[in-house]
Amino acid sequence: MAQATLPTTMTLDRRRFDRLSALITRELGIRMPPTKITMLQSRLQRRLRELQMDSLDAYEAYLFDEGGVSGELVHFFDIVTTNKTDFFREPQHFDYLTVKALPTMARGSRLGQHWNFKLWCAGCSSGQEVYTLGMVLSEYAAVHPGFTFSMLATDISTRILQDAKRAIYTEEIIAPVPMELRRKYLLRSSDKGRQLVRVVPELRSKVKFGRLNFMDAKYGIREEFDVIFFRNVMIYFDKPTQEAVINRMCTHLRPGGHLFISHSESLTGLNVPLELVGNSVFRKIP
């Protein structure tokens, strides 16, 4: 059976793709190569159906007019950003956090026995990473009296932030969570047929969510953090953008604080106030 072809009005040609990809790079810092045309076309078609538009011409005109830029841009960002995360992804980092980073920072501080630890999960996606951190820090707090913590989780996508706030996941998604932690921090749905779990309210209350664009000149964040997790985000940026973003983030990282990036990422060649202390773990130079 022959595959149906899209009408010309729904086909993303190279001219339109170049214009949209330039917008994405300018506003989000994300590189969008021509190999992503099919992906972007598919996502745009879903958005057109939501808006009841019958052509990409109409959507392009809507997006780039004055009203579209202010109103539609947020929805456009939702459809073009990729949100991939897992519970306990790159697990060595969580071991490093509790076994090395936290004890090292505690010894080097003047906090005494009381420490209100602050962590920023930057690019939190649908929440698995920040809730993993919540479980790990809760376990640490249980054996370290006087240690309390709070977390900020940010993302550019308003849609994915709503998912993260709901904190509802399928059995398949929570598979990496150890059973003893599932019993403590995940509540099963009363509807047995749905096979869903939700993060316990005590853990959800530790997280404040907010929308943030890493390309903004200032982030509007008042806190100074002990640790920042910024993993699997830089891979979408070019080197100058990586350097600018990391330096802005470091203004919110206390001296001696730690930055975690993905094992697939590197700060090599970037002029940033950080020193390597572990596998993809950096310490802000005092």
C-alpha atoms as a PDB file:
ATOM      1  CA  MET A   1       0.000   0.000   0.000  1.00  0.00           C
ATOM      2  CA  ALA A   2       1.472   3.350  -1.068  1.00  0.00           C
ATOM      3  CA  GLN A   3       2.237   5.839   1.712  1.00  0.00           C
ATOM      4  CA  ALA A   4       0.005   8.896   1.659  1.00  0.00           C
ATOM      5  CA  THR A   5       1.800  12.144   0.892  1.00  0.00           C
ATOM      6  CA  LEU A   6       1.174  15.337   2.791  1.00  0.00           C
ATOM      7  CA  PRO A   7      -0.418  18.265   0.997  1.00  0.00           C
ATOM      8  CA  THR A   8       2.101  20.931   0.010  1.00  0.00           C
ATOM      9  CA  THR A   9       0.624  23.343   2.542  1.00  0.00           C
ATOM     10  CA  MET A  10       1.624  20.965   5.347  1.00  0.00           C
ATOM     11  CA  THR A  11       5.156  20.250   4.097  1.00  0.00           C
ATOM     12  CA  LEU A  12       8.065  21.940   5.844  1.00  0.00           C
ATOM     13  CA  ASP A  13      10.310  23.168   3.045  1.00  0.00           C
ATOM     14  CA  ARG A  14      13.946  24.195   3.513  1.00  0.00           C
ATOM     15  CA  ARG A  15      13.233  27.957   3.441  1.00  0.00           C
ATOM     16  CA  ARG A  16      10.689  27.729   6.234  1.00  0.00           C
ATOM     17  CA  PHE A  17      12.831  25.272   8.200  1.00  0.00           C
ATOM     18  CA  ASP A  18      15.830  27.630   8.028  1.00  0.00           C
ATOM     19  CA  ARG A  19      13.715  30.491   9.349  1.00  0.00           C
ATOM     20  CA  LEU A  20      12.312  28.418  12.210  1.00  0.00           C
ATOM     21  CA  SER A  21      15.668  26.872  13.117  1.00  0.00           C
ATOM     22  CA  ALA A  22      17.230  30.350  13.233  1.00  0.00           C
ATOM     23  CA  LEU A  23      14.480  31.379  15.668  1.00  0.00           C
ATOM     24  CA  ILE A  24      15.133  28.294  17.807  1.00  0.00           C
ATOM     25  CA  THR A  25      18.882  28.952  17.941  1.00  0.00           C
ATOM     26  CA  ARG A  26      18.452  32.651  18.672  1.00  0.00           C
ATOM     27  CA  GLU A  27      15.874  32.198  21.433  1.00  0.00           C
ATOM     28  CA  LEU A  28      16.952  28.874  22.976  1.00  0.00           C
ATOM     29  CA  GLY A  29      20.576  28.432  21.907  1.00  0.00           C
ATOM     30  CA  ILE A  30      19.639  25.008  20.487  1.00  0.00           C
ATOM     31  CA  ARG A  31      21.178  24.001  17.182  1.00  0.00           C
ATOM     32  CA  MET A  32      18.617  22.564  14.770  1.00  0.00           C
ATOM     33  CA  PRO A  33      20.403  20.913  11.788  1.00  0.00           C
ATOM     34  CA  PRO A  34      18.580  20.105   8.502  1.00  0.00           C
ATOM     35  CA  THR A  35      18.450  16.432   9.532  1.00  0.00           C
ATOM     36  CA  LYS A  36      15.681  17.483  11.969  1.00  0.00           C
ATOM     37  CA  ILE A  37      13.256  18.664   9.248  1.00  0.00           C
ATOM     38  CA  THR A  38      11.046  15.578   9.462  1.00  0.00           C
ATOM     39  CA  MET A  39      10.952  15.696  13.249  1.00  0.00           C
ATOM     40  CA  LEU A  40      10.047  19.382  13.324  1.00  0.00           C
ATOM     41  CA  GLN A  41       7.417  18.929  10.607  1.00  0.00           C
ATOM     42  CA  SER A  42       5.705  16.160  12.577  1.00  0.00           C
ATOM     43  CA  ARG A  43       5.608  18.240  15.759  1.00  0.00           C
ATOM     44  CA  LEU A  44       4.320  21.312  13.930  1.00  0.00           C
ATOM     45  CA  GLN A  45       1.486  19.300  12.382  1.00  0.00           C
ATOM     46  CA  ARG A  46       0.243  18.369  15.861  1.00  0.00           C
ATOM     47  CA  ARG A  47       0.293  22.007  16.875  1.00  0.00           C
ATOM     48  CA  LEU A  48      -1.606  23.014  13.719  1.00  0.00           C
ATOM     49  CA  ARG A  49      -4.348  20.546  14.589  1.00  0.00           C
ATOM     50  CA  GLU A  50      -4.620  22.079  18.068  1.00  0.00           C
ATOM     51  CA  LEU A  51      -4.963  25.548  16.525  1.00  0.00           C
ATOM     52  CA  GLN A  52      -7.272  24.275  13.755  1.00  0.00           C
ATOM     53  CA  MET A  53      -4.981  25.721  11.092  1.00  0.00           C
ATOM     54  CA  ASP A  54      -4.799  24.153   7.653  1.00  0.00           C
ATOM     55  CA  SER A  55      -1.343  25.239   6.475  1.00  0.00           C
ATOM     56  CA  LEU A  56       2.188  25.911   7.651  1.00  0.00           C
ATOM     57  CA  ASP A  57       1.973  29.244   5.843  1.00  0.00           C
ATOM     58  CA  ALA A  58      -0.783  30.300   8.230  1.00  0.00           C
ATOM     59  CA  TYR A  59       1.184  29.089  11.254  1.00  0.00           C
ATOM     60  CA  GLU A  60       4.376  30.835  10.159  1.00  0.00           C
ATOM     61  CA  ALA A  61       2.508  34.113   9.703  1.00  0.00           C
ATOM     62  CA  TYR A  62       0.869  33.671  13.111  1.00  0.00           C
ATOM     63  CA  LEU A  63       4.145  32.819  14.867  1.00  0.00           C
ATOM     64  CA  PHE A  64       6.120  35.736  13.480  1.00  0.00           C
ATOM     65  CA  ASP A  65       3.543  38.484  13.796  1.00  0.00           C
ATOM     66  CA  GLU A  66       3.636  40.647  16.907  1.00  0.00           C
ATOM     67  CA  GLY A  67       0.892  38.790  18.726  1.00  0.00           C
ATOM     68  CA  GLY A  68       2.302  35.380  17.856  1.00  0.00           C
ATOM     69  CA  VAL A  69       5.760  36.131  19.171  1.00  0.00           C
ATOM     70  CA  SER A  70       4.335  37.093  22.553  1.00  0.00           C
ATOM     71  CA  GLY A  71       1.627  34.425  22.763  1.00  0.00           C
ATOM     72  CA  GLU A  72       2.620  31.457  20.615  1.00  0.00           C
ATOM     73  CA  LEU A  73       6.350  31.381  21.269  1.00  0.00           C
ATOM     74  CA  VAL A  74       5.933  29.527  24.572  1.00  0.00           C
ATOM     75  CA  HIS A  75       3.898  26.800  22.823  1.00  0.00           C
ATOM     76  CA  PHE A  76       6.414  26.684  19.979  1.00  0.00           C
ATOM     77  CA  PHE A  77       9.201  26.061  22.507  1.00  0.00           C
ATOM     78  CA  ASP A  78       7.120  23.254  24.014  1.00  0.00           C
ATOM     79  CA  ILE A  79       6.956  21.396  20.709  1.00  0.00           C
ATOM     80  CA  VAL A  80      10.565  21.877  19.591  1.00  0.00           C
ATOM     81  CA  THR A  81      12.358  20.962  22.825  1.00  0.00           C
ATOM     82  CA  THR A  82      13.312  17.349  23.474  1.00  0.00           C
ATOM     83  CA  ASN A  83      12.588  16.060  26.979  1.00  0.00           C
ATOM     84  CA  LYS A  84      14.417  12.841  27.807  1.00  0.00           C
ATOM     85  CA  THR A  85      15.219  11.849  31.361  1.00  0.00           C
ATOM     86  CA  ASP A  86      15.116   8.827  33.678  1.00  0.00           C
ATOM     87  CA  PHE A  87      15.164   8.006  37.347  1.00  0.00           C
ATOM     88  CA  PHE A  88      18.748   7.364  38.545  1.00  0.00           C
ATOM     89  CA  ARG A  89      20.239   8.240  35.156  1.00  0.00           C
ATOM     90  CA  GLU A  90      24.068   8.135  35.318  1.00  0.00           C
ATOM     91  CA  PRO A  91      23.866   6.736  38.879  1.00  0.00           C
ATOM     92  CA  GLN A  92      27.534   7.333  39.747  1.00  0.00           C
ATOM     93  CA  HIS A  93      26.700  11.003  40.227  1.00  0.00           C
ATOM     94  CA  PHE A  94      24.280  10.314  43.054  1.00  0.00           C
ATOM     95  CA  ASP A  95      26.906   8.221  44.829  1.00  0.00           C
ATOM     96  CA  TYR A  96      29.479  10.972  44.362  1.00  0.00           C
ATOM     97  CA  LEU A  97      27.049  13.563  45.730  1.00  0.00           C
ATOM     98  CA  THR A  98      26.477  11.782  49.053  1.00  0.00           C
ATOM     99  CA  VAL A  99      29.822  10.023  49.527  1.00  0.00           C
ATOM    100  CA  LYS A 100      32.214  12.791  48.438  1.00  0.00           C
ATOM    101  CA  ALA A 101      30.612  16.136  47.587  1.00  0.00           C
ATOM    102  CA  LEU A 102      28.390  16.626  50.631  1.00  0.00           C
ATOM    103  CA  PRO A 103      31.003  15.566  53.220  1.00  0.00           C
ATOM    104  CA  THR A 104      33.654  17.716  51.508  1.00  0.00           C
ATOM    105  CA  MET A 105      31.419  20.806  51.475  1.00  0.00           C
ATOM    106  CA  ALA A 106      30.336  20.224  55.085  1.00  0.00           C
ATOM    107  CA  ARG A 107      33.953  20.058  56.286  1.00  0.00           C
ATOM    108  CA  GLY A 108      34.880  23.188  54.367  1.00  0.00           C
ATOM    109  CA  SER A 109      31.962  25.260  55.642  1.00  0.00           C
ATOM    110  CA  ARG A 110      31.214  27.097  58.855  1.00  0.00           C
ATOM    111  CA  LEU A 111      27.717  25.753  59.023  1.00  0.00           C
ATOM    112  CA  GLY A 112      28.294  23.586  62.059  1.00  0.00           C
ATOM    113  CA  GLN A 113      25.652  20.929  62.557  1.00  0.00           C
ATOM    114  CA  HIS A 114      22.869  22.816  60.777  1.00  0.00           C
ATOM    115  CA  TRP A 115      22.917  23.000  56.989  1.00  0.00           C
ATOM    116  CA  ASN A 116      20.011  24.098  54.804  1.00  0.00           C
ATOM    117  CA  PHE A 117      21.386  22.591  51.598  1.00  0.00           C
ATOM    118  CA  LYS A 118      20.175  24.128  48.318  1.00  0.00           C
ATOM    119  CA  LEU A 119      20.233  22.372  44.963  1.00  0.00           C
ATOM    120  CA  TRP A 120      19.269  23.539  41.474  1.00  0.00           C
ATOM    121  CA  CYS A 121      18.158  20.966  38.913  1.00  0.00           C
ATOM    122  CA  ALA A 122      18.574  22.950  35.679  1.00  0.00           C
ATOM    123  CA  GLY A 123      16.717  21.478  32.710  1.00  0.00           C
ATOM    124  CA  CYS A 124      14.559  19.236  34.886  1.00  0.00           C
ATOM    125  CA  SER A 125      12.318  17.899  32.092  1.00  0.00           C
ATOM    126  CA  SER A 126       9.483  15.735  33.448  1.00  0.00           C
ATOM    127  CA  GLY A 127      10.919  15.531  36.954  1.00  0.00           C
ATOM    128  CA  GLN A 128      12.633  12.155  37.250  1.00  0.00           C
ATOM    129  CA  GLU A 129      16.033  13.668  37.978  1.00  0.00           C
ATOM    130  CA  VAL A 130      14.914  16.111  40.663  1.00  0.00           C
ATOM    131  CA  TYR A 131      12.823  13.457  42.425  1.00  0.00           C
ATOM    132  CA  THR A 132      15.775  11.055  42.280  1.00  0.00           C
ATOM    133  CA  LEU A 133      17.830  13.758  43.976  1.00  0.00           C
ATOM    134  CA  GLY A 134      15.053  14.210  46.522  1.00  0.00           C
ATOM    135  CA  MET A 135      15.149  10.516  47.410  1.00  0.00           C
ATOM    136  CA  VAL A 136      18.947  10.513  47.682  1.00  0.00           C
ATOM    137  CA  LEU A 137      19.031  13.655  49.831  1.00  0.00           C
ATOM    138  CA  SER A 138      16.213  12.393  52.050  1.00  0.00           C
ATOM    139  CA  GLU A 139      18.201   9.236  52.723  1.00  0.00           C
ATOM    140  CA  TYR A 140      21.271  11.353  53.518  1.00  0.00           C
ATOM    141  CA  ALA A 141      19.262  13.598  55.863  1.00  0.00           C
ATOM    142  CA  ALA A 142      17.942  10.550  57.729  1.00  0.00           C
ATOM    143  CA  VAL A 143      21.451   9.754  58.998  1.00  0.00           C
ATOM    144  CA  HIS A 144      22.777  13.322  59.286  1.00  0.00           C
ATOM    145  CA  PRO A 145      20.813  15.263  61.934  1.00  0.00           C
ATOM    146  CA  GLY A 146      20.640  18.984  61.196  1.00  0.00           C
ATOM    147  CA  PHE A 147      20.814  18.502  57.422  1.00  0.00           C
ATOM    148  CA  THR A 148      17.792  19.873  55.562  1.00  0.00           C
ATOM    149  CA  PHE A 149      17.403  20.609  51.886  1.00  0.00           C
ATOM    150  CA  SER A 150      15.352  22.406  49.269  1.00  0.00           C
ATOM    151  CA  MET A 151      15.480  22.201  45.485  1.00  0.00           C
ATOM    152  CA  LEU A 152      14.753  24.436  42.524  1.00  0.00           C
ATOM    153  CA  ALA A 153      13.816  22.705  39.250  1.00  0.00           C
ATOM    154  CA  THR A 154      13.632  24.708  36.017  1.00  0.00           C
ATOM    155  CA  ASP A 155      12.856  24.046  32.377  1.00  0.00           C
ATOM    156  CA  ILE A 156      11.937  26.060  29.281  1.00  0.00           C
ATOM    157  CA  SER A 157       8.832  23.973  28.530  1.00  0.00           C
ATOM    158  CA  THR A 158       5.675  24.926  30.414  1.00  0.00           C
ATOM    159  CA  ARG A 159       4.031  21.673  29.313  1.00  0.00           C
ATOM    160  CA  ILE A 160       6.783  19.475  30.705  1.00  0.00           C
ATOM    161  CA  LEU A 161       6.893  21.482  33.948  1.00  0.00           C
ATOM    162  CA  GLN A 162       3.231  20.646  34.515  1.00  0.00           C
ATOM    163  CA  ASP A 163       4.095  16.952  34.109  1.00  0.00           C
ATOM    164  CA  ALA A 164       6.943  17.334  36.602  1.00  0.00           C
ATOM    165  CA  LYS A 165       4.703  19.043  39.147  1.00  0.00           C
ATOM    166  CA  ARG A 166       2.106  16.261  38.889  1.00  0.00           C
ATOM    167  CA  ALA A 167       4.850  13.706  39.588  1.00  0.00           C
ATOM    168  CA  ILE A 168       2.791  10.800  38.237  1.00  0.00           C
ATOM    169  CA  TYR A 169       4.686   8.013  36.478  1.00  0.00           C
ATOM    170  CA  THR A 170       4.075   4.587  34.974  1.00  0.00           C
ATOM    171  CA  GLU A 171       5.502   1.346  36.338  1.00  0.00           C
ATOM    172  CA  GLU A 172       7.848   1.206  33.350  1.00  0.00           C
ATOM    173  CA  ILE A 173       9.292   4.659  34.097  1.00  0.00           C
ATOM    174  CA  ILE A 174      10.023   3.898  37.763  1.00  0.00           C
ATOM    175  CA  ALA A 175      11.831   0.634  36.930  1.00  0.00           C
ATOM    176  CA  PRO A 176      15.302   2.054  37.833  1.00  0.00           C
ATOM    177  CA  VAL A 177      14.161   3.065  41.338  1.00  0.00           C
ATOM    178  CA  PRO A 178      15.352   0.548  43.971  1.00  0.00           C
ATOM    179  CA  MET A 179      12.492  -1.277  45.673  1.00  0.00           C
ATOM    180  CA  GLU A 180      13.243   0.090  49.147  1.00  0.00           C
ATOM    181  CA  LEU A 181      13.016   3.645  47.804  1.00  0.00           C
ATOM    182  CA  ARG A 182       9.797   2.890  45.936  1.00  0.00           C
ATOM    183  CA  ARG A 183       8.189   1.818  49.197  1.00  0.00           C
ATOM    184  CA  LYS A 184       9.217   5.062  50.914  1.00  0.00           C
ATOM    185  CA  TYR A 185       8.720   7.680  48.221  1.00  0.00           C
ATOM    186  CA  LEU A 186       6.153   6.424  45.686  1.00  0.00           C
ATOM    187  CA  LEU A 187       2.412   5.966  46.206  1.00  0.00           C
ATOM    188  CA  ARG A 188       0.525   3.504  44.019  1.00  0.00           C
ATOM    189  CA  SER A 189      -2.725   4.494  42.366  1.00  0.00           C
ATOM    190  CA  SER A 190      -5.862   3.104  43.992  1.00  0.00           C
ATOM    191  CA  ASP A 191      -6.944   2.146  40.459  1.00  0.00           C
ATOM    192  CA  LYS A 192      -5.016  -1.113  40.036  1.00  0.00           C
ATOM    193  CA  GLY A 193      -5.697  -1.214  36.310  1.00  0.00           C
ATOM    194  CA  ARG A 194      -3.804   1.999  35.606  1.00  0.00           C
ATOM    195  CA  GLN A 195      -0.461   0.931  37.136  1.00  0.00           C
ATOM    196  CA  LEU A 196       0.552   4.474  38.045  1.00  0.00           C
ATOM    197  CA  VAL A 197       2.526   5.854  40.970  1.00  0.00           C
ATOM    198  CA  ARG A 198       2.943   9.347  42.384  1.00  0.00           C
ATOM    199  CA  VAL A 199       5.815  10.843  44.337  1.00  0.00           C
ATOM    200  CA  VAL A 200       4.853  11.302  47.994  1.00  0.00           C
ATOM    201  CA  PRO A 201       3.775  14.846  48.984  1.00  0.00           C
ATOM    202  CA  GLU A 202       6.611  15.186  51.515  1.00  0.00           C
ATOM    203  CA  LEU A 203       9.113  14.910  48.660  1.00  0.00           C
ATOM    204  CA  ARG A 204       7.119  17.045  46.218  1.00  0.00           C
ATOM    205  CA  SER A 205       7.052  19.825  48.800  1.00  0.00           C
ATOM    206  CA  LYS A 206      10.859  20.018  48.681  1.00  0.00           C
ATOM    207  CA  VAL A 207      10.796  21.200  45.054  1.00  0.00           C
ATOM    208  CA  LYS A 208       9.979  24.619  43.663  1.00  0.00           C
ATOM    209  CA  PHE A 209       9.413  24.596  39.891  1.00  0.00           C
ATOM    210  CA  GLY A 210       9.944  27.503  37.550  1.00  0.00           C
ATOM    211  CA  ARG A 211      10.236  28.280  33.861  1.00  0.00           C
ATOM    212  CA  LEU A 212      13.692  29.470  32.790  1.00  0.00           C
ATOM    213  CA  ASN A 213      15.392  30.110  29.464  1.00  0.00           C
ATOM    214  CA  PHE A 214      19.165  29.598  29.638  1.00  0.00           C
ATOM    215  CA  MET A 215      19.602  32.247  26.941  1.00  0.00           C
ATOM    216  CA  ASP A 216      18.252  35.006  29.191  1.00  0.00           C
ATOM    217  CA  ALA A 217      20.865  37.586  30.193  1.00  0.00           C
ATOM    218  CA  LYS A 218      19.798  37.225  33.839  1.00  0.00           C
ATOM    219  CA  TYR A 219      18.005  34.280  35.421  1.00  0.00           C
ATOM    220  CA  GLY A 220      16.061  36.137  38.099  1.00  0.00           C
ATOM    221  CA  ILE A 221      17.226  33.684  40.766  1.00  0.00           C
ATOM    222  CA  ARG A 222      18.076  35.067  44.200  1.00  0.00           C
ATOM    223  CA  GLU A 223      19.383  31.915  45.848  1.00  0.00           C
ATOM    224  CA  GLU A 224      22.986  30.755  45.936  1.00  0.00           C
ATOM    225  CA  PHE A 225      23.167  27.003  45.486  1.00  0.00           C
ATOM    226  CA  ASP A 226      25.464  24.398  46.964  1.00  0.00           C
ATOM    227  CA  VAL A 227      25.041  22.068  43.981  1.00  0.00           C
ATOM    228  CA  ILE A 228      23.757  22.457  40.426  1.00  0.00           C
ATOM    229  CA  PHE A 229      22.788  19.505  38.254  1.00  0.00           C
ATOM    230  CA  PHE A 230      22.991  20.586  34.593  1.00  0.00           C
ATOM    231  CA  ARG A 231      23.072  17.318  32.700  1.00  0.00           C
ATOM    232  CA  ASN A 232      22.288  16.450  29.066  1.00  0.00           C
ATOM    233  CA  VAL A 233      21.483  20.047  28.135  1.00  0.00           C
ATOM    234  CA  MET A 234      24.783  21.488  26.886  1.00  0.00           C
ATOM    235  CA  ILE A 235      24.919  18.960  24.049  1.00  0.00           C
ATOM    236  CA  TYR A 236      22.397  21.127  22.182  1.00  0.00           C
ATOM    237  CA  PHE A 237      24.552  24.294  22.460  1.00  0.00           C
ATOM    238  CA  ASP A 238      27.625  25.429  20.548  1.00  0.00           C
ATOM    239  CA  LYS A 239      30.821  26.217  22.497  1.00  0.00           C
ATOM    240  CA  PRO A 240      30.296  30.001  22.889  1.00  0.00           C
ATOM    241  CA  THR A 241      26.763  29.393  24.166  1.00  0.00           C
ATOM    242  CA  GLN A 242      27.994  26.703  26.563  1.00  0.00           C
ATOM    243  CA  GLU A 243      30.582  29.071  28.014  1.00  0.00           C
ATOM    244  CA  ALA A 244      28.112  31.932  28.428  1.00  0.00           C
ATOM    245  CA  VAL A 245      25.477  29.725  30.065  1.00  0.00           C
ATOM    246  CA  ILE A 246      27.912  28.035  32.458  1.00  0.00           C
ATOM    247  CA  ASN A 247      29.307  31.405  33.561  1.00  0.00           C
ATOM    248  CA  ARG A 248      25.798  32.727  34.227  1.00  0.00           C
ATOM    249  CA  MET A 249      24.968  29.609  36.216  1.00  0.00           C
ATOM    250  CA  CYS A 250      28.157  29.976  38.248  1.00  0.00           C
ATOM    251  CA  THR A 251      26.965  33.334  39.545  1.00  0.00           C
ATOM    252  CA  HIS A 252      24.338  31.283  41.420  1.00  0.00           C
ATOM    253  CA  LEU A 253      26.801  28.627  42.679  1.00  0.00           C
ATOM    254  CA  ARG A 254      28.522  29.316  45.977  1.00  0.00           C
ATOM    255  CA  PRO A 255      32.346  29.116  46.134  1.00  0.00           C
ATOM    256  CA  GLY A 256      33.248  25.488  46.733  1.00  0.00           C
ATOM    257  CA  GLY A 257      29.873  24.378  45.369  1.00  0.00           C
ATOM    258  CA  HIS A 258      29.636  21.583  42.806  1.00  0.00           C
ATOM    259  CA  LEU A 259      28.364  21.439  39.227  1.00  0.00           C
ATOM    260  CA  PHE A 260      27.375  18.093  37.722  1.00  0.00           C
ATOM    261  CA  ILE A 261      27.196  17.676  33.935  1.00  0.00           C
ATOM    262  CA  SER A 262      26.529  14.576  31.841  1.00  0.00           C
ATOM    263  CA  HIS A 263      29.227  11.994  31.152  1.00  0.00           C
ATOM    264  CA  SER A 264      28.728  12.766  27.443  1.00  0.00           C
ATOM    265  CA  GLU A 265      29.477  16.484  27.970  1.00  0.00           C
ATOM    266  CA  SER A 266      32.691  18.412  28.561  1.00  0.00           C
ATOM    267  CA  LEU A 267      33.878  21.824  29.728  1.00  0.00           C
ATOM    268  CA  THR A 268      37.202  21.467  27.896  1.00  0.00           C
ATOM    269  CA  GLY A 269      38.228  24.736  26.299  1.00  0.00           C
ATOM    270  CA  LEU A 270      35.664  26.817  28.192  1.00  0.00           C
ATOM    271  CA  ASN A 271      36.760  29.793  30.286  1.00  0.00           C
ATOM    272  CA  VAL A 272      34.739  29.086  33.433  1.00  0.00           C
ATOM    273  CA  PRO A 273      35.583  29.346  37.192  1.00  0.00           C
ATOM    274  CA  LEU A 274      35.480  25.594  37.776  1.00  0.00           C
ATOM    275  CA  GLU A 275      37.927  22.794  38.455  1.00  0.00           C
ATOM    276  CA  LEU A 276      37.403  19.106  37.698  1.00  0.00           C
ATOM    277  CA  VAL A 277      37.067  16.998  40.870  1.00  0.00           C
ATOM    278  CA  GLY A 278      35.315  13.859  39.606  1.00  0.00           C
ATOM    279  CA  ASN A 279      33.859  12.187  36.534  1.00  0.00           C
ATOM    280  CA  SER A 280      31.908  15.102  34.984  1.00  0.00           C
ATOM    281  CA  VAL A 281      31.855  16.806  38.405  1.00  0.00           C
ATOM    282  CA  PHE A 282      33.267  20.291  38.899  1.00  0.00           C
ATOM    283  CA  ARG A 283      33.921  22.526  41.912  1.00  0.00           C
ATOM    284  CA  LYS A 284      33.632  26.305  41.843  1.00  0.00           C
ATOM    285  CA  ILE A 285      37.032  27.786  42.552  1.00  0.00           C
ATOM    286  CA  PRO A 286      36.870  29.849  45.771  1.00  0.00           C
END
